[in-house]
Amino acid sequence: MSSVPHAERIHGDGATPERWMLVLHGVFGSAANFRGIARRLARGRPDWGFVLADLRGHGRSPAATPPHTIASAARDLDRLPDRVRGVLGHSLGGKVALAFAEAHPDLDAVWILDSQPGAREPGRGPSSTTAVLETLESIAQPLPDRRSFAALVEPRFGRAIADWLAMSLRATEDGLRLVFDLPAIRAMLSDYYARDLWHVVDDGRRRDRTHFVVGGRSDVLSAADRDRLAQAVVVHVLAEAGHWIHSDDPDALVALLLANLPSS
């Protein structure tokens, strides 16, 4: 069963947007990850508004009913009341964006940031998403303070990742707790790796409206993946960016979107 996601709406000062774009974060993220970029886009394109949603299991979105899948997360978005004409998603959010686009083939714009459309084996390295999830699952909550969280996470993943994850700590009556629904996230990740959505990419009806932005320093998409994408959709490579495109090269990403979002 779907639930209504928590969402922030951003538009230009005094603007009444004609169209809205859903913006979807990656695993362990939240709407806040794209707030700065959305504000810049809204200033440059006041005809568009931006709906920054917390995916199920993340941020301030309420608990959702299983199954926790990519398709379920996409259906959650149908409960947002905006005039949605576009969708943008990063990583896990990119696959949710593809599922949403499949259900809404008349969207004006689909933007996927460094996300693999096909099925693949989960990463098992020491800094993989799976390793992060297992570490978070092992932490006893509540925590007395942020320093104790950093002491558990920073030695394994570095300060940048620890600080980013700490953004999802919230004060409760008995201490700090992560806002993540970790069992839901585990189920969504399992579905993310198993689900193949190449057929959405290969659908010729969306060719000029679907844009993939690839980090030049990212290994999420293989050379074969990039070649296949180039045959089906519009591909942009940001040479200096890794997987975290929106933080590695925000200026280039904003410029791409401002230049390519359709006008009325």
C-alpha atoms as a PDB file:
ATOM      1  CA  MET A   1       0.000   0.000   0.000  1.00  0.00           C
ATOM      2  CA  SER A   2       1.289   3.458  -0.862  1.00  0.00           C
ATOM      3  CA  SER A   3       1.709   6.306   1.618  1.00  0.00           C
ATOM      4  CA  VAL A   4       1.966  10.061   1.142  1.00  0.00           C
ATOM      5  CA  PRO A   5       5.676  10.986   1.152  1.00  0.00           C
ATOM      6  CA  HIS A   6       6.952  14.005   3.006  1.00  0.00           C
ATOM      7  CA  ALA A   7       7.891  16.628   0.421  1.00  0.00           C
ATOM      8  CA  GLU A   8       9.262  20.162   0.179  1.00  0.00           C
ATOM      9  CA  ARG A   9       8.086  22.443  -2.607  1.00  0.00           C
ATOM     10  CA  ILE A  10      10.455  25.016  -4.038  1.00  0.00           C
ATOM     11  CA  HIS A  11       9.639  27.670  -6.625  1.00  0.00           C
ATOM     12  CA  GLY A  12      10.867  31.081  -7.658  1.00  0.00           C
ATOM     13  CA  ASP A  13       9.910  34.120  -5.576  1.00  0.00           C
ATOM     14  CA  GLY A  14       6.405  35.164  -6.525  1.00  0.00           C
ATOM     15  CA  ALA A  15       6.268  32.511  -9.246  1.00  0.00           C
ATOM     16  CA  THR A  16       3.283  30.304 -10.035  1.00  0.00           C
ATOM     17  CA  PRO A  17       4.910  27.320 -11.747  1.00  0.00           C
ATOM     18  CA  GLU A  18       3.127  25.827 -14.716  1.00  0.00           C
ATOM     19  CA  ARG A  19       4.822  22.466 -14.163  1.00  0.00           C
ATOM     20  CA  TRP A  20       6.439  20.626 -11.283  1.00  0.00           C
ATOM     21  CA  MET A  21       9.371  18.231 -11.224  1.00  0.00           C
ATOM     22  CA  LEU A  22       9.777  15.490  -8.640  1.00  0.00           C
ATOM     23  CA  VAL A  23      13.312  15.332  -7.228  1.00  0.00           C
ATOM     24  CA  LEU A  24      14.345  12.015  -5.664  1.00  0.00           C
ATOM     25  CA  HIS A  25      17.406  11.404  -3.513  1.00  0.00           C
ATOM     26  CA  GLY A  26      19.515   8.264  -3.279  1.00  0.00           C
ATOM     27  CA  VAL A  27      19.750   5.659  -0.527  1.00  0.00           C
ATOM     28  CA  PHE A  28      20.332   7.091   2.980  1.00  0.00           C
ATOM     29  CA  GLY A  29      19.538  10.557   1.630  1.00  0.00           C
ATOM     30  CA  SER A  30      16.637  12.959   2.002  1.00  0.00           C
ATOM     31  CA  ALA A  31      14.968  15.884   0.292  1.00  0.00           C
ATOM     32  CA  ALA A  32      17.562  18.200   1.795  1.00  0.00           C
ATOM     33  CA  ASN A  33      20.261  16.743  -0.486  1.00  0.00           C
ATOM     34  CA  PHE A  34      18.852  18.662  -3.465  1.00  0.00           C
ATOM     35  CA  ARG A  35      17.530  21.797  -1.748  1.00  0.00           C
ATOM     36  CA  GLY A  36      20.330  24.091  -2.911  1.00  0.00           C
ATOM     37  CA  ILE A  37      20.181  22.868  -6.507  1.00  0.00           C
ATOM     38  CA  ALA A  38      16.386  23.164  -6.590  1.00  0.00           C
ATOM     39  CA  ARG A  39      16.566  26.776  -5.388  1.00  0.00           C
ATOM     40  CA  ARG A  40      19.017  27.643  -8.157  1.00  0.00           C
ATOM     41  CA  LEU A  41      16.838  25.939 -10.760  1.00  0.00           C
ATOM     42  CA  ALA A  42      13.716  27.704  -9.514  1.00  0.00           C
ATOM     43  CA  ARG A  43      15.428  31.090  -9.825  1.00  0.00           C
ATOM     44  CA  GLY A  44      16.541  30.329 -13.371  1.00  0.00           C
ATOM     45  CA  ARG A  45      13.329  28.625 -14.494  1.00  0.00           C
ATOM     46  CA  PRO A  46      10.357  30.122 -12.616  1.00  0.00           C
ATOM     47  CA  ASP A  47       7.991  28.261 -14.956  1.00  0.00           C
ATOM     48  CA  TRP A  48       9.063  25.062 -13.159  1.00  0.00           C
ATOM     49  CA  GLY A  49       8.566  24.190  -9.503  1.00  0.00           C
ATOM     50  CA  PHE A  50      10.404  21.395  -7.710  1.00  0.00           C
ATOM     51  CA  VAL A  51       8.964  18.803  -5.322  1.00  0.00           C
ATOM     52  CA  LEU A  52      11.722  17.322  -3.164  1.00  0.00           C
ATOM     53  CA  ALA A  53      10.330  14.066  -1.792  1.00  0.00           C
ATOM     54  CA  ASP A  54      11.623  11.803   0.970  1.00  0.00           C
ATOM     55  CA  LEU A  55      11.396   8.249  -0.359  1.00  0.00           C
ATOM     56  CA  ARG A  56       9.746   5.624   1.842  1.00  0.00           C
ATOM     57  CA  GLY A  57      12.029   4.550   4.669  1.00  0.00           C
ATOM     58  CA  HIS A  58      13.882   7.885   4.563  1.00  0.00           C
ATOM     59  CA  GLY A  59      13.681  11.336   6.076  1.00  0.00           C
ATOM     60  CA  ARG A  60      10.337  12.564   7.314  1.00  0.00           C
ATOM     61  CA  SER A  61       8.133  10.284   5.249  1.00  0.00           C
ATOM     62  CA  PRO A  62       5.711   8.236   7.351  1.00  0.00           C
ATOM     63  CA  ALA A  63       6.008   4.502   7.770  1.00  0.00           C
ATOM     64  CA  ALA A  64       4.794   2.710   4.663  1.00  0.00           C
ATOM     65  CA  THR A  65       3.195  -0.687   4.236  1.00  0.00           C
ATOM     66  CA  PRO A  66       5.246  -3.466   2.573  1.00  0.00           C
ATOM     67  CA  PRO A  67       6.255  -4.539   0.057  1.00  0.00           C
ATOM     68  CA  HIS A  68       9.129  -2.069   0.059  1.00  0.00           C
ATOM     69  CA  THR A  69      10.038  -2.065  -3.628  1.00  0.00           C
ATOM     70  CA  ILE A  70      11.018   0.361  -6.362  1.00  0.00           C
ATOM     71  CA  ALA A  71       7.489   0.090  -7.771  1.00  0.00           C
ATOM     72  CA  SER A  72       5.924   0.828  -4.368  1.00  0.00           C
ATOM     73  CA  ALA A  73       8.136   3.885  -3.912  1.00  0.00           C
ATOM     74  CA  ALA A  74       7.094   5.115  -7.372  1.00  0.00           C
ATOM     75  CA  ARG A  75       3.406   4.615  -6.556  1.00  0.00           C
ATOM     76  CA  ASP A  76       3.840   6.653  -3.368  1.00  0.00           C
ATOM     77  CA  LEU A  77       4.611   9.655  -5.565  1.00  0.00           C
ATOM     78  CA  ASP A  78       1.177   9.480  -7.196  1.00  0.00           C
ATOM     79  CA  ARG A  79      -0.265  10.664  -3.895  1.00  0.00           C
ATOM     80  CA  LEU A  80       1.468  14.038  -4.145  1.00  0.00           C
ATOM     81  CA  PRO A  81      -1.102  16.494  -5.518  1.00  0.00           C
ATOM     82  CA  ASP A  82       1.130  18.589  -7.759  1.00  0.00           C
ATOM     83  CA  ARG A  83       0.943  18.976 -11.531  1.00  0.00           C
ATOM     84  CA  VAL A  84       3.960  16.753 -12.064  1.00  0.00           C
ATOM     85  CA  ARG A  85       5.436  16.994 -15.541  1.00  0.00           C
ATOM     86  CA  GLY A  86       8.972  15.837 -14.805  1.00  0.00           C
ATOM     87  CA  VAL A  87      11.061  13.648 -12.553  1.00  0.00           C
ATOM     88  CA  LEU A  88      14.725  13.670 -11.551  1.00  0.00           C
ATOM     89  CA  GLY A  89      16.374  10.976  -9.454  1.00  0.00           C
ATOM     90  CA  HIS A  90      19.847  10.066  -8.244  1.00  0.00           C
ATOM     91  CA  SER A  91      21.067   6.474  -7.794  1.00  0.00           C
ATOM     92  CA  LEU A  92      18.291   4.581  -5.937  1.00  0.00           C
ATOM     93  CA  GLY A  93      16.044   7.566  -6.658  1.00  0.00           C
ATOM     94  CA  GLY A  94      16.989   7.266 -10.325  1.00  0.00           C
ATOM     95  CA  LYS A  95      15.489   3.811 -10.526  1.00  0.00           C
ATOM     96  CA  VAL A  96      12.356   5.022  -8.725  1.00  0.00           C
ATOM     97  CA  ALA A  97      12.230   7.852 -11.282  1.00  0.00           C
ATOM     98  CA  LEU A  98      12.374   5.322 -14.135  1.00  0.00           C
ATOM     99  CA  ALA A  99       9.529   3.322 -12.581  1.00  0.00           C
ATOM    100  CA  PHE A 100       7.516   6.529 -12.209  1.00  0.00           C
ATOM    101  CA  ALA A 101       8.250   7.440 -15.839  1.00  0.00           C
ATOM    102  CA  GLU A 102       7.081   4.021 -16.976  1.00  0.00           C
ATOM    103  CA  ALA A 103       3.717   4.642 -15.319  1.00  0.00           C
ATOM    104  CA  HIS A 104       3.569   8.216 -16.699  1.00  0.00           C
ATOM    105  CA  PRO A 105       4.797   8.021 -20.309  1.00  0.00           C
ATOM    106  CA  ASP A 106       3.672  11.565 -21.131  1.00  0.00           C
ATOM    107  CA  LEU A 107       6.127  13.323 -18.791  1.00  0.00           C
ATOM    108  CA  ASP A 108       7.912  16.293 -20.335  1.00  0.00           C
ATOM    109  CA  ALA A 109      11.289  15.574 -18.739  1.00  0.00           C
ATOM    110  CA  VAL A 110      13.009  12.578 -17.134  1.00  0.00           C
ATOM    111  CA  TRP A 111      16.475  13.080 -15.620  1.00  0.00           C
ATOM    112  CA  ILE A 112      18.457  10.174 -14.184  1.00  0.00           C
ATOM    113  CA  LEU A 113      21.682  10.883 -12.290  1.00  0.00           C
ATOM    114  CA  ASP A 114      24.315   8.122 -12.266  1.00  0.00           C
ATOM    115  CA  SER A 115      21.905   5.238 -11.821  1.00  0.00           C
ATOM    116  CA  GLN A 116      22.170   1.763 -13.372  1.00  0.00           C
ATOM    117  CA  PRO A 117      18.859   0.793 -15.032  1.00  0.00           C
ATOM    118  CA  GLY A 118      19.513  -2.945 -15.045  1.00  0.00           C
ATOM    119  CA  ALA A 119      19.844  -5.749 -12.532  1.00  0.00           C
ATOM    120  CA  ARG A 120      23.257  -6.293 -10.961  1.00  0.00           C
ATOM    121  CA  GLU A 121      24.961  -7.915  -8.022  1.00  0.00           C
ATOM    122  CA  PRO A 122      25.108  -5.832  -4.827  1.00  0.00           C
ATOM    123  CA  GLY A 123      28.453  -4.272  -4.064  1.00  0.00           C
ATOM    124  CA  ARG A 124      30.314  -6.048  -1.270  1.00  0.00           C
ATOM    125  CA  GLY A 125      33.348  -3.819  -0.800  1.00  0.00           C
ATOM    126  CA  PRO A 126      34.363  -2.211   2.505  1.00  0.00           C
ATOM    127  CA  SER A 127      32.752   1.113   1.556  1.00  0.00           C
ATOM    128  CA  SER A 128      29.778  -0.263  -0.388  1.00  0.00           C
ATOM    129  CA  THR A 129      26.148   0.616   0.252  1.00  0.00           C
ATOM    130  CA  THR A 130      25.708  -2.860   1.724  1.00  0.00           C
ATOM    131  CA  ALA A 131      28.545  -2.206   4.170  1.00  0.00           C
ATOM    132  CA  VAL A 132      26.986   1.121   5.208  1.00  0.00           C
ATOM    133  CA  LEU A 133      23.621  -0.555   5.779  1.00  0.00           C
ATOM    134  CA  GLU A 134      25.166  -3.344   7.849  1.00  0.00           C
ATOM    135  CA  THR A 135      27.030  -0.790   9.974  1.00  0.00           C
ATOM    136  CA  LEU A 136      23.877   1.257  10.612  1.00  0.00           C
ATOM    137  CA  GLU A 137      21.975  -1.916  11.496  1.00  0.00           C
ATOM    138  CA  SER A 138      24.648  -2.763  14.081  1.00  0.00           C
ATOM    139  CA  ILE A 139      24.430   0.571  15.936  1.00  0.00           C
ATOM    140  CA  ALA A 140      22.453   0.473  19.168  1.00  0.00           C
ATOM    141  CA  GLN A 141      20.029   3.373  19.367  1.00  0.00           C
ATOM    142  CA  PRO A 142      19.404   5.853  20.870  1.00  0.00           C
ATOM    143  CA  LEU A 143      22.798   7.522  20.847  1.00  0.00           C
ATOM    144  CA  PRO A 144      23.828  10.082  23.486  1.00  0.00           C
ATOM    145  CA  ASP A 145      25.339  12.577  21.015  1.00  0.00           C
ATOM    146  CA  ARG A 146      26.677  13.029  17.485  1.00  0.00           C
ATOM    147  CA  ARG A 147      30.254  12.352  18.539  1.00  0.00           C
ATOM    148  CA  SER A 148      29.354   8.817  19.547  1.00  0.00           C
ATOM    149  CA  PHE A 149      27.772   8.266  16.110  1.00  0.00           C
ATOM    150  CA  ALA A 150      30.866   9.639  14.367  1.00  0.00           C
ATOM    151  CA  ALA A 151      33.087   7.358  16.449  1.00  0.00           C
ATOM    152  CA  LEU A 152      31.207   4.339  15.099  1.00  0.00           C
ATOM    153  CA  VAL A 153      30.979   5.394  11.452  1.00  0.00           C
ATOM    154  CA  GLU A 154      33.914   7.683  10.626  1.00  0.00           C
ATOM    155  CA  PRO A 155      36.754   5.146  11.101  1.00  0.00           C
ATOM    156  CA  ARG A 156      35.207   2.869   8.492  1.00  0.00           C
ATOM    157  CA  PHE A 157      33.778   5.287   5.928  1.00  0.00           C
ATOM    158  CA  GLY A 158      35.524   8.601   6.473  1.00  0.00           C
ATOM    159  CA  ARG A 159      34.370  11.934   7.794  1.00  0.00           C
ATOM    160  CA  ALA A 160      32.399  13.050   4.735  1.00  0.00           C
ATOM    161  CA  ILE A 161      30.134   9.970   4.791  1.00  0.00           C
ATOM    162  CA  ALA A 162      29.803  10.125   8.589  1.00  0.00           C
ATOM    163  CA  ASP A 163      28.775  13.794   8.469  1.00  0.00           C
ATOM    164  CA  TRP A 164      26.293  13.102   5.669  1.00  0.00           C
ATOM    165  CA  LEU A 165      24.683  10.192   7.520  1.00  0.00           C
ATOM    166  CA  ALA A 166      24.565  12.259  10.706  1.00  0.00           C
ATOM    167  CA  MET A 167      22.191  14.641   8.921  1.00  0.00           C
ATOM    168  CA  SER A 168      19.566  11.924   9.443  1.00  0.00           C
ATOM    169  CA  LEU A 169      19.903  11.887  13.246  1.00  0.00           C
ATOM    170  CA  ARG A 170      16.928  13.342  15.096  1.00  0.00           C
ATOM    171  CA  ALA A 171      16.555  14.192  18.781  1.00  0.00           C
ATOM    172  CA  THR A 172      14.022  12.096  20.716  1.00  0.00           C
ATOM    173  CA  GLU A 173      13.112  11.946  24.398  1.00  0.00           C
ATOM    174  CA  ASP A 174      15.774   9.331  25.081  1.00  0.00           C
ATOM    175  CA  GLY A 175      18.546  10.502  22.728  1.00  0.00           C
ATOM    176  CA  LEU A 176      19.444  10.647  19.053  1.00  0.00           C
ATOM    177  CA  ARG A 177      17.942   8.198  16.569  1.00  0.00           C
ATOM    178  CA  LEU A 178      18.336   7.741  12.827  1.00  0.00           C
ATOM    179  CA  VAL A 179      15.196   8.558  10.862  1.00  0.00           C
ATOM    180  CA  PHE A 180      15.799   5.596   8.543  1.00  0.00           C
ATOM    181  CA  ASP A 181      13.481   2.602   8.473  1.00  0.00           C
ATOM    182  CA  LEU A 182      16.386   0.198   7.995  1.00  0.00           C
ATOM    183  CA  PRO A 183      14.317  -2.953   7.280  1.00  0.00           C
ATOM    184  CA  ALA A 184      12.436  -1.023   4.574  1.00  0.00           C
ATOM    185  CA  ILE A 185      15.689   0.255   3.094  1.00  0.00           C
ATOM    186  CA  ARG A 186      17.177  -3.249   3.070  1.00  0.00           C
ATOM    187  CA  ALA A 187      14.137  -4.530   1.170  1.00  0.00           C
ATOM    188  CA  MET A 188      14.265  -1.625  -1.301  1.00  0.00           C
ATOM    189  CA  LEU A 189      17.968  -2.164  -1.946  1.00  0.00           C
ATOM    190  CA  SER A 190      17.362  -5.836  -2.614  1.00  0.00           C
ATOM    191  CA  ASP A 191      14.697  -4.900  -5.148  1.00  0.00           C
ATOM    192  CA  TYR A 192      16.899  -2.155  -6.612  1.00  0.00           C
ATOM    193  CA  TYR A 193      19.650  -4.642  -7.445  1.00  0.00           C
ATOM    194  CA  ALA A 194      17.219  -7.265  -8.779  1.00  0.00           C
ATOM    195  CA  ARG A 195      14.971  -5.037 -10.899  1.00  0.00           C
ATOM    196  CA  ASP A 196      15.699  -4.491 -14.602  1.00  0.00           C
ATOM    197  CA  LEU A 197      14.250  -1.298 -16.080  1.00  0.00           C
ATOM    198  CA  TRP A 198      16.220  -1.146 -19.319  1.00  0.00           C
ATOM    199  CA  HIS A 199      12.928  -1.518 -21.200  1.00  0.00           C
ATOM    200  CA  VAL A 200      11.916   1.927 -19.909  1.00  0.00           C
ATOM    201  CA  VAL A 201      15.168   3.420 -21.196  1.00  0.00           C
ATOM    202  CA  ASP A 202      14.858   1.656 -24.542  1.00  0.00           C
ATOM    203  CA  ASP A 203      11.301   2.881 -25.137  1.00  0.00           C
ATOM    204  CA  GLY A 204      11.763   5.130 -28.178  1.00  0.00           C
ATOM    205  CA  ARG A 205       8.838   7.369 -27.234  1.00  0.00           C
ATOM    206  CA  ARG A 206      10.931   8.937 -24.477  1.00  0.00           C
ATOM    207  CA  ARG A 207      14.216   9.355 -26.336  1.00  0.00           C
ATOM    208  CA  ASP A 208      14.460  13.156 -26.454  1.00  0.00           C
ATOM    209  CA  ARG A 209      12.774  13.642 -23.081  1.00  0.00           C
ATOM    210  CA  THR A 210      15.029  11.286 -21.111  1.00  0.00           C
ATOM    211  CA  HIS A 211      18.438  12.501 -19.993  1.00  0.00           C
ATOM    212  CA  PHE A 212      21.067  10.444 -18.170  1.00  0.00           C
ATOM    213  CA  VAL A 213      23.833  12.350 -16.406  1.00  0.00           C
ATOM    214  CA  VAL A 214      26.900  10.192 -15.805  1.00  0.00           C
ATOM    215  CA  GLY A 215      29.787  10.928 -13.485  1.00  0.00           C
ATOM    216  CA  GLY A 216      33.009  10.690 -15.456  1.00  0.00           C
ATOM    217  CA  ARG A 217      34.786   9.317 -12.380  1.00  0.00           C
ATOM    218  CA  SER A 218      31.967   6.987 -11.369  1.00  0.00           C
ATOM    219  CA  ASP A 219      32.008   3.231 -11.948  1.00  0.00           C
ATOM    220  CA  VAL A 220      28.247   2.733 -11.531  1.00  0.00           C
ATOM    221  CA  LEU A 221      27.755   2.501 -15.304  1.00  0.00           C
ATOM    222  CA  SER A 222      30.098   0.350 -17.370  1.00  0.00           C
ATOM    223  CA  ALA A 223      31.358   1.298 -20.820  1.00  0.00           C
ATOM    224  CA  ALA A 224      28.769  -1.076 -22.305  1.00  0.00           C
ATOM    225  CA  ASP A 225      26.022   0.581 -20.232  1.00  0.00           C
ATOM    226  CA  ARG A 226      27.068   4.007 -21.476  1.00  0.00           C
ATOM    227  CA  ASP A 227      27.079   2.837 -25.086  1.00  0.00           C
ATOM    228  CA  ARG A 228      23.605   1.357 -24.696  1.00  0.00           C
ATOM    229  CA  LEU A 229      22.316   4.551 -23.096  1.00  0.00           C
ATOM    230  CA  ALA A 230      23.716   6.645 -25.940  1.00  0.00           C
ATOM    231  CA  GLN A 231      21.661   4.605 -28.415  1.00  0.00           C
ATOM    232  CA  ALA A 232      18.426   5.188 -26.493  1.00  0.00           C
ATOM    233  CA  VAL A 233      18.433   8.543 -24.657  1.00  0.00           C
ATOM    234  CA  VAL A 234      20.321  11.812 -24.254  1.00  0.00           C
ATOM    235  CA  VAL A 235      23.537  11.270 -22.280  1.00  0.00           C
ATOM    236  CA  HIS A 236      25.657  13.905 -20.545  1.00  0.00           C
ATOM    237  CA  VAL A 237      29.003  13.052 -18.956  1.00  0.00           C
ATOM    238  CA  LEU A 238      30.355  15.354 -16.253  1.00  0.00           C
ATOM    239  CA  ALA A 239      34.033  14.514 -16.462  1.00  0.00           C
ATOM    240  CA  GLU A 240      35.025  15.832 -13.025  1.00  0.00           C
ATOM    241  CA  ALA A 241      32.171  14.238 -11.082  1.00  0.00           C
ATOM    242  CA  GLY A 242      31.993  10.896  -9.337  1.00  0.00           C
ATOM    243  CA  HIS A 243      28.803   9.139  -8.312  1.00  0.00           C
ATOM    244  CA  TRP A 244      27.690  12.102  -6.178  1.00  0.00           C
ATOM    245  CA  ILE A 245      27.107  14.323  -9.188  1.00  0.00           C
ATOM    246  CA  HIS A 246      24.991  16.900  -7.370  1.00  0.00           C
ATOM    247  CA  SER A 247      27.717  17.570  -4.804  1.00  0.00           C
ATOM    248  CA  ASP A 248      30.791  16.914  -6.996  1.00  0.00           C
ATOM    249  CA  ASP A 249      29.821  19.326  -9.795  1.00  0.00           C
ATOM    250  CA  PRO A 250      26.599  21.190  -8.913  1.00  0.00           C
ATOM    251  CA  ASP A 251      27.362  24.095 -11.257  1.00  0.00           C
ATOM    252  CA  ALA A 252      27.565  21.842 -14.303  1.00  0.00           C
ATOM    253  CA  LEU A 253      24.426  19.951 -13.296  1.00  0.00           C
ATOM    254  CA  VAL A 254      22.420  23.147 -12.818  1.00  0.00           C
ATOM    255  CA  ALA A 255      23.658  24.498 -16.150  1.00  0.00           C
ATOM    256  CA  LEU A 256      22.589  21.293 -17.920  1.00  0.00           C
ATOM    257  CA  LEU A 257      19.107  21.419 -16.459  1.00  0.00           C
ATOM    258  CA  LEU A 258      18.603  25.119 -17.119  1.00  0.00           C
ATOM    259  CA  ALA A 259      19.638  24.618 -20.742  1.00  0.00           C
ATOM    260  CA  ASN A 260      17.503  21.553 -21.348  1.00  0.00           C
ATOM    261  CA  LEU A 261      14.292  21.772 -19.328  1.00  0.00           C
ATOM    262  CA  PRO A 262      11.485  22.247 -21.835  1.00  0.00           C
ATOM    263  CA  SER A 263       9.632  25.544 -22.018  1.00  0.00           C
ATOM    264  CA  SER A 264       5.951  26.080 -22.500  1.00  0.00           C
END
